Protein backbone atom coordinates (compact mmCIF):
# COMPACT_ATOMS: atom_id res chain seq x y z
CA MET A 1 -9.93 -49.83 -4.09
CA LYS A 2 -7.86 -47.37 -2.10
CA PHE A 3 -4.11 -47.55 -1.95
CA GLN A 4 -2.24 -46.24 1.04
CA ILE A 5 0.03 -43.36 0.30
CA ILE A 6 3.65 -44.26 0.94
CA THR A 7 5.29 -41.50 2.90
CA ARG A 8 9.00 -41.06 2.73
CA ARG A 9 10.93 -40.10 5.81
CA ALA A 10 13.84 -37.74 5.86
CA GLU A 11 17.26 -39.32 5.97
CA GLY A 12 18.34 -40.27 9.45
CA VAL A 13 14.88 -40.72 10.93
CA ASP A 14 15.34 -44.49 11.01
CA SER A 15 18.53 -44.13 12.97
CA TYR A 16 19.84 -45.60 16.19
CA ALA A 17 17.85 -43.19 18.33
CA SER A 18 14.48 -44.52 17.24
CA ASN A 19 15.25 -48.22 16.92
CA ARG A 20 18.00 -49.25 19.30
CA ALA A 21 18.60 -48.87 23.01
CA VAL A 22 21.87 -47.44 24.24
CA SER A 23 24.29 -50.16 25.27
CA PRO A 24 26.13 -49.59 28.57
CA THR A 25 29.20 -51.29 27.12
CA GLN A 26 29.26 -48.95 24.14
CA SER A 27 28.82 -45.95 26.43
CA LEU A 28 31.76 -47.10 28.56
CA ILE A 29 33.91 -47.56 25.45
CA ASN A 30 32.99 -44.05 24.27
CA VAL A 31 33.87 -42.51 27.65
CA LEU A 32 37.21 -44.34 27.81
CA SER A 33 38.00 -43.32 24.25
CA ALA A 34 37.27 -39.68 25.09
CA LEU A 35 39.47 -39.83 28.21
CA LEU A 36 42.36 -41.36 26.28
CA SER A 37 42.00 -38.71 23.57
CA LEU A 38 42.06 -35.99 26.22
CA LEU A 39 45.14 -37.54 27.83
CA GLY A 40 46.87 -37.65 24.45
CA ALA A 41 46.09 -33.97 23.87
CA VAL A 42 47.46 -33.08 27.31
CA VAL A 43 50.67 -35.02 26.63
CA LEU A 44 51.15 -33.24 23.29
CA ILE A 45 50.60 -29.83 24.89
CA LEU A 46 53.06 -30.67 27.68
CA LEU A 47 55.57 -31.93 25.13
CA LEU A 48 55.40 -28.60 23.31
CA LYS A 49 55.62 -26.67 26.60
CA GLU A 50 58.38 -28.69 28.29
CA GLY A 51 60.42 -29.53 25.20
CA SER A 52 61.04 -33.22 25.89
CA PHE A 53 59.13 -36.37 26.68
CA THR A 54 61.13 -36.85 29.89
CA ARG A 55 60.11 -33.52 31.39
CA ALA A 56 56.55 -33.84 30.09
CA GLY A 57 56.31 -37.31 31.66
CA ALA A 58 57.66 -36.04 34.97
CA PHE A 59 55.10 -33.23 34.90
CA MET A 60 52.32 -35.76 34.20
CA ASP A 61 53.52 -38.01 37.03
CA LEU A 62 53.47 -35.09 39.45
CA GLY A 63 50.00 -34.05 38.29
CA LEU A 64 48.58 -37.56 38.52
CA THR A 65 50.08 -38.00 41.99
CA LYS A 66 48.35 -34.82 43.15
CA VAL A 67 45.06 -35.99 41.63
CA VAL A 68 45.28 -39.35 43.43
CA GLU A 69 46.14 -37.60 46.71
CA GLY A 70 43.16 -35.28 46.21
CA ILE A 71 40.83 -38.22 45.62
CA ALA A 72 42.16 -39.87 48.79
CA VAL A 73 41.42 -36.69 50.77
CA VAL A 74 37.87 -36.57 49.41
CA ILE A 75 37.31 -40.25 50.24
CA GLY A 76 38.62 -39.66 53.77
CA PHE A 77 36.30 -36.67 54.18
CA VAL A 78 33.28 -38.65 52.99
CA ARG A 79 34.16 -41.55 55.32
CA GLY A 80 34.41 -39.06 58.18
CA LEU A 81 30.94 -37.75 57.38
CA ILE A 82 29.43 -41.23 57.16
CA GLY A 83 31.20 -42.79 60.17
């Protein structure tokens, strides 16, 4: 009577990658978490550079306004190409 040899796998082989599919919800949560972490790091750097939360916040507001305006320009350009 032959017995099958039990093979042991290295740690981590039976991990999420081999057994579970990636959830879109979890991916979205990870991306949002990374963006919030990046925003927090930017605020801390601006706080050290500007010296106060008020000036750092004003700098962030100006930067975010320019980003939104830039996105609007890109959207207008794409609409011009399509239409």
